[in-house]
N, C-alpha and C. Protein backbone atom coordinates (compact mmCIF):
# COMPACT_ATOMS: atom_id res chain seq x y z
N UNK A 1 0.56 -60.47 69.59
CA UNK A 1 -0.03 -59.44 68.76
C UNK A 1 -0.45 -60.07 67.44
N UNK A 2 -1.50 -59.55 66.86
CA UNK A 2 -1.96 -60.01 65.56
C UNK A 2 -1.74 -58.91 64.54
N UNK A 3 -1.99 -59.25 63.28
CA UNK A 3 -1.89 -58.23 62.24
C UNK A 3 -3.06 -57.27 62.37
N UNK A 4 -2.91 -56.08 61.79
CA UNK A 4 -4.01 -55.12 61.76
C UNK A 4 -4.10 -54.54 60.37
N UNK A 5 -5.28 -54.04 60.03
CA UNK A 5 -5.49 -53.42 58.72
C UNK A 5 -5.19 -51.94 58.81
N UNK A 6 -4.56 -51.42 57.76
CA UNK A 6 -4.32 -49.98 57.66
C UNK A 6 -4.92 -49.48 56.36
N UNK A 7 -5.19 -48.18 56.33
CA UNK A 7 -5.80 -47.53 55.17
C UNK A 7 -4.99 -46.30 54.79
N UNK A 8 -5.35 -45.71 53.66
CA UNK A 8 -4.72 -44.45 53.28
C UNK A 8 -4.89 -43.42 54.40
N UNK A 9 -6.05 -43.42 55.04
CA UNK A 9 -6.37 -42.42 56.05
C UNK A 9 -5.52 -42.55 57.32
N UNK A 10 -5.20 -43.78 57.74
CA UNK A 10 -4.46 -43.93 58.99
C UNK A 10 -3.01 -44.39 58.78
N UNK A 11 -2.55 -44.44 57.55
CA UNK A 11 -1.20 -44.93 57.24
C UNK A 11 -0.12 -44.13 57.95
N UNK A 12 -0.24 -42.83 57.93
CA UNK A 12 0.77 -41.98 58.56
C UNK A 12 0.88 -42.28 60.06
N UNK A 13 -0.23 -42.29 60.74
CA UNK A 13 -0.23 -42.50 62.19
C UNK A 13 0.17 -43.92 62.56
N UNK A 14 -0.33 -44.91 61.84
CA UNK A 14 -0.11 -46.31 62.21
C UNK A 14 1.22 -46.88 61.71
N UNK A 15 1.72 -46.36 60.60
CA UNK A 15 2.92 -46.94 59.99
C UNK A 15 4.11 -45.98 60.04
N UNK A 16 3.96 -44.82 59.44
CA UNK A 16 5.10 -43.91 59.34
C UNK A 16 5.58 -43.40 60.69
N UNK A 17 4.68 -43.25 61.64
CA UNK A 17 5.06 -42.75 62.97
C UNK A 17 5.30 -43.86 63.99
N UNK A 18 5.32 -45.09 63.55
CA UNK A 18 5.51 -46.21 64.47
C UNK A 18 6.89 -46.14 65.12
N UNK A 19 6.94 -46.44 66.40
CA UNK A 19 8.22 -46.42 67.13
C UNK A 19 9.02 -47.70 66.91
N UNK A 20 8.39 -48.71 66.32
CA UNK A 20 9.08 -49.96 66.00
C UNK A 20 8.96 -50.22 64.50
N UNK A 21 9.83 -51.06 63.93
CA UNK A 21 9.73 -51.37 62.50
C UNK A 21 8.35 -51.94 62.15
N UNK A 22 7.95 -51.72 60.90
CA UNK A 22 6.64 -52.17 60.42
C UNK A 22 6.82 -53.00 59.16
N UNK A 23 6.16 -54.15 59.12
CA UNK A 23 6.07 -54.97 57.91
C UNK A 23 4.68 -54.74 57.33
N UNK A 24 4.63 -54.24 56.10
CA UNK A 24 3.36 -54.00 55.42
C UNK A 24 3.14 -55.10 54.40
N UNK A 25 1.98 -55.73 54.46
CA UNK A 25 1.56 -56.71 53.47
C UNK A 25 0.58 -56.01 52.53
N UNK A 26 1.04 -55.68 51.32
CA UNK A 26 0.15 -55.12 50.30
C UNK A 26 -0.50 -56.30 49.59
N UNK A 27 -1.81 -56.44 49.74
CA UNK A 27 -2.53 -57.61 49.26
C UNK A 27 -3.78 -57.21 48.50
N UNK A 28 -4.40 -58.21 47.85
CA UNK A 28 -5.66 -58.01 47.16
C UNK A 28 -6.62 -59.14 47.48
N UNK A 29 -7.93 -58.88 47.46
CA UNK A 29 -8.91 -59.87 47.87
C UNK A 29 -9.00 -61.09 46.95
N UNK A 30 -8.61 -60.98 45.69
CA UNK A 30 -8.68 -62.11 44.77
C UNK A 30 -7.33 -62.76 44.55
N UNK A 31 -6.37 -62.48 45.40
CA UNK A 31 -5.00 -62.96 45.27
C UNK A 31 -4.82 -64.24 46.10
N UNK A 32 -4.73 -65.39 45.43
CA UNK A 32 -4.57 -66.67 46.14
C UNK A 32 -3.28 -66.72 46.97
N UNK A 33 -2.13 -66.29 46.43
CA UNK A 33 -0.92 -66.30 47.26
C UNK A 33 -1.05 -65.41 48.51
N UNK A 34 -1.80 -64.32 48.39
CA UNK A 34 -2.01 -63.44 49.55
C UNK A 34 -2.75 -64.19 50.65
N UNK A 35 -3.75 -64.97 50.27
CA UNK A 35 -4.51 -65.74 51.25
C UNK A 35 -3.65 -66.85 51.85
N UNK A 36 -2.78 -67.44 51.02
CA UNK A 36 -1.94 -68.54 51.50
C UNK A 36 -0.91 -68.08 52.53
N UNK A 37 -0.40 -66.86 52.39
CA UNK A 37 0.65 -66.37 53.30
C UNK A 37 0.06 -65.77 54.58
N UNK A 38 -1.22 -65.49 54.60
CA UNK A 38 -1.85 -64.81 55.74
C UNK A 38 -1.59 -65.49 57.09
N UNK A 39 -1.70 -66.82 57.19
CA UNK A 39 -1.41 -67.45 58.50
C UNK A 39 0.04 -67.24 58.95
N UNK A 40 0.96 -67.19 57.99
CA UNK A 40 2.37 -66.96 58.33
C UNK A 40 2.58 -65.55 58.88
N UNK A 41 1.83 -64.60 58.35
CA UNK A 41 1.92 -63.22 58.86
C UNK A 41 1.44 -63.15 60.31
N UNK A 42 0.37 -63.88 60.61
CA UNK A 42 -0.13 -63.92 61.99
C UNK A 42 0.91 -64.55 62.92
N UNK A 43 1.54 -65.62 62.46
CA UNK A 43 2.59 -66.27 63.26
C UNK A 43 3.74 -65.31 63.52
N UNK A 44 4.18 -64.63 62.46
CA UNK A 44 5.29 -63.69 62.59
C UNK A 44 4.93 -62.56 63.55
N UNK A 45 3.71 -62.05 63.45
CA UNK A 45 3.27 -60.98 64.35
C UNK A 45 3.34 -61.44 65.80
N UNK A 46 2.97 -62.68 66.06
CA UNK A 46 3.05 -63.21 67.42
C UNK A 46 4.48 -63.40 67.89
N UNK A 47 5.33 -63.88 67.00
CA UNK A 47 6.74 -64.11 67.36
C UNK A 47 7.48 -62.81 67.67
N UNK A 48 7.16 -61.77 66.93
CA UNK A 48 7.90 -60.51 67.03
C UNK A 48 7.14 -59.44 67.80
N UNK A 49 6.18 -59.86 68.60
CA UNK A 49 5.36 -58.92 69.37
C UNK A 49 6.25 -57.95 70.16
N UNK A 50 5.99 -56.67 69.99
CA UNK A 50 6.76 -55.64 70.69
C UNK A 50 8.01 -55.20 69.95
N UNK A 51 8.43 -56.00 68.95
CA UNK A 51 9.62 -55.67 68.16
C UNK A 51 9.28 -55.29 66.73
N UNK A 52 8.11 -55.75 66.25
CA UNK A 52 7.69 -55.54 64.87
C UNK A 52 6.18 -55.41 64.83
N UNK A 53 5.71 -54.44 64.06
CA UNK A 53 4.29 -54.27 63.83
C UNK A 53 4.00 -54.84 62.44
N UNK A 54 3.01 -55.72 62.33
CA UNK A 54 2.65 -56.32 61.05
C UNK A 54 1.27 -55.81 60.65
N UNK A 55 1.21 -55.14 59.49
CA UNK A 55 -0.05 -54.57 59.03
C UNK A 55 -0.35 -55.04 57.62
N UNK A 56 -1.64 -55.00 57.28
CA UNK A 56 -2.10 -55.42 55.95
C UNK A 56 -2.81 -54.24 55.30
N UNK A 57 -2.54 -54.06 54.00
CA UNK A 57 -3.19 -52.99 53.26
C UNK A 57 -3.78 -53.55 51.97
N UNK A 58 -5.10 -53.44 51.84
CA UNK A 58 -5.81 -53.86 50.63
C UNK A 58 -5.52 -52.81 49.54
N UNK A 59 -4.80 -53.22 48.50
CA UNK A 59 -4.39 -52.24 47.48
C UNK A 59 -5.56 -51.72 46.67
N UNK A 60 -6.64 -52.50 46.55
CA UNK A 60 -7.79 -52.04 45.78
C UNK A 60 -8.55 -50.93 46.50
N UNK A 61 -8.52 -50.94 47.81
CA UNK A 61 -9.23 -49.93 48.59
C UNK A 61 -8.34 -48.76 49.00
N UNK A 62 -7.04 -48.89 48.79
CA UNK A 62 -6.09 -47.87 49.25
C UNK A 62 -5.05 -47.60 48.16
N UNK A 63 -5.55 -47.17 47.03
CA UNK A 63 -4.69 -47.02 45.86
C UNK A 63 -3.64 -45.92 46.00
N UNK A 64 -3.93 -44.89 46.76
CA UNK A 64 -2.96 -43.79 46.91
C UNK A 64 -1.66 -44.31 47.51
N UNK A 65 -1.76 -45.02 48.62
CA UNK A 65 -0.55 -45.54 49.26
C UNK A 65 0.11 -46.60 48.39
N UNK A 66 -0.68 -47.47 47.78
CA UNK A 66 -0.11 -48.50 46.90
C UNK A 66 0.66 -47.86 45.75
N UNK A 67 0.14 -46.79 45.19
CA UNK A 67 0.84 -46.09 44.11
C UNK A 67 2.10 -45.41 44.63
N UNK A 68 2.04 -44.81 45.81
CA UNK A 68 3.22 -44.16 46.39
C UNK A 68 4.36 -45.14 46.57
N UNK A 69 4.03 -46.40 46.89
CA UNK A 69 5.06 -47.42 47.10
C UNK A 69 5.30 -48.26 45.84
N UNK A 70 4.69 -47.84 44.73
CA UNK A 70 4.88 -48.50 43.43
C UNK A 70 4.62 -50.00 43.50
N UNK A 71 3.48 -50.36 44.07
CA UNK A 71 3.10 -51.77 44.20
C UNK A 71 2.55 -52.24 42.86
N UNK A 72 3.23 -53.21 42.26
CA UNK A 72 2.82 -53.76 40.97
C UNK A 72 2.44 -55.24 41.06
N UNK A 73 2.88 -55.91 42.12
CA UNK A 73 2.66 -57.34 42.30
C UNK A 73 2.09 -57.58 43.68
N UNK A 74 1.18 -58.54 43.76
CA UNK A 74 0.64 -58.91 45.07
C UNK A 74 0.94 -60.37 45.33
N UNK A 75 1.30 -60.69 46.56
CA UNK A 75 1.57 -59.73 47.62
C UNK A 75 2.96 -59.11 47.48
N UNK A 76 3.09 -57.90 47.98
CA UNK A 76 4.39 -57.25 48.14
C UNK A 76 4.52 -56.90 49.62
N UNK A 77 5.68 -57.21 50.16
CA UNK A 77 5.96 -56.93 51.57
C UNK A 77 7.02 -55.85 51.65
N UNK A 78 6.73 -54.80 52.41
CA UNK A 78 7.65 -53.68 52.57
C UNK A 78 7.93 -53.51 54.06
N UNK A 79 9.20 -53.39 54.40
CA UNK A 79 9.60 -53.15 55.79
C UNK A 79 10.00 -51.69 55.91
N UNK A 80 9.39 -50.99 56.86
CA UNK A 80 9.73 -49.60 57.14
C UNK A 80 10.32 -49.51 58.54
N UNK A 81 11.34 -48.71 58.67
CA UNK A 81 11.96 -48.45 59.97
C UNK A 81 12.16 -46.95 60.07
N UNK A 82 11.59 -46.34 61.08
CA UNK A 82 11.66 -44.89 61.20
C UNK A 82 10.98 -44.19 60.04
N UNK A 83 9.96 -44.83 59.48
CA UNK A 83 9.21 -44.24 58.37
C UNK A 83 9.87 -44.38 57.01
N UNK A 84 11.02 -45.06 56.95
CA UNK A 84 11.75 -45.22 55.68
C UNK A 84 11.80 -46.68 55.27
N UNK A 85 11.66 -46.92 53.97
CA UNK A 85 11.73 -48.29 53.46
C UNK A 85 13.15 -48.83 53.61
N UNK A 86 13.26 -50.03 54.21
CA UNK A 86 14.57 -50.66 54.38
C UNK A 86 14.64 -52.04 53.71
N UNK A 87 13.50 -52.61 53.33
CA UNK A 87 13.50 -53.91 52.67
C UNK A 87 12.18 -54.10 51.93
N UNK A 88 12.24 -54.97 50.90
CA UNK A 88 11.05 -55.25 50.09
C UNK A 88 11.16 -56.65 49.51
N UNK A 89 10.02 -57.31 49.42
CA UNK A 89 9.94 -58.63 48.79
C UNK A 89 8.63 -58.73 48.04
N UNK A 90 8.69 -59.25 46.82
CA UNK A 90 7.48 -59.51 46.05
C UNK A 90 7.24 -61.01 46.04
N UNK A 91 5.99 -61.40 46.24
CA UNK A 91 5.65 -62.81 46.22
C UNK A 91 5.88 -63.48 47.56
N UNK A 92 5.53 -64.77 47.61
CA UNK A 92 5.55 -65.50 48.88
C UNK A 92 6.70 -66.50 48.99
N UNK A 93 7.69 -66.39 48.14
CA UNK A 93 8.82 -67.33 48.17
C UNK A 93 9.42 -67.40 49.56
N UNK A 94 9.61 -68.60 50.03
CA UNK A 94 10.22 -68.78 51.35
C UNK A 94 9.23 -68.89 52.48
N UNK A 95 7.96 -68.56 52.25
CA UNK A 95 6.95 -68.68 53.30
C UNK A 95 7.34 -67.95 54.58
N UNK A 96 7.09 -68.58 55.71
CA UNK A 96 7.38 -67.96 57.00
C UNK A 96 8.87 -67.68 57.16
N UNK A 97 9.72 -68.61 56.75
CA UNK A 97 11.17 -68.39 56.86
C UNK A 97 11.61 -67.21 56.01
N UNK A 98 11.01 -67.05 54.83
CA UNK A 98 11.33 -65.91 53.98
C UNK A 98 10.95 -64.59 54.63
N UNK A 99 9.81 -64.57 55.30
CA UNK A 99 9.38 -63.36 56.00
C UNK A 99 10.31 -63.06 57.18
N UNK A 100 10.71 -64.11 57.89
CA UNK A 100 11.64 -63.92 59.01
C UNK A 100 12.96 -63.31 58.53
N UNK A 101 13.46 -63.80 57.41
CA UNK A 101 14.71 -63.27 56.85
C UNK A 101 14.54 -61.83 56.41
N UNK A 102 13.39 -61.53 55.81
CA UNK A 102 13.12 -60.17 55.32
C UNK A 102 13.21 -59.16 56.45
N UNK A 103 12.64 -59.48 57.59
CA UNK A 103 12.59 -58.52 58.70
C UNK A 103 13.76 -58.65 59.66
N UNK A 104 14.43 -59.78 59.66
CA UNK A 104 15.43 -60.11 60.67
C UNK A 104 16.52 -59.09 60.88
N UNK A 105 17.05 -58.52 59.82
CA UNK A 105 18.16 -57.57 59.93
C UNK A 105 17.72 -56.19 60.40
N UNK A 106 16.42 -55.97 60.50
CA UNK A 106 15.91 -54.62 60.77
C UNK A 106 15.26 -54.49 62.14
N UNK A 107 15.37 -55.52 62.96
CA UNK A 107 14.75 -55.47 64.29
C UNK A 107 15.77 -55.07 65.34
């Protein structure tokens, strides 16, 4: 599985109603760290196929959801399980291993 893009319009259906945990990457188009971590997100999505849904949300185009989750730094990664936030990380510290640790306890 690969990552997919979500918007304010489909956030409820794609994220909040997901039957499996979801990792949301809140990113911005001019954010260099966001671009650097993108390949790691694709790797993680492939590794956790069927156990974790990995989605990306452009905060500039989807401000309502970004504001609801109080996103102040990009990238910010939020893990939701059953529609509820269970973990959060700001920045790319740890790279792929950091992302694995972030989601590991929630799968």
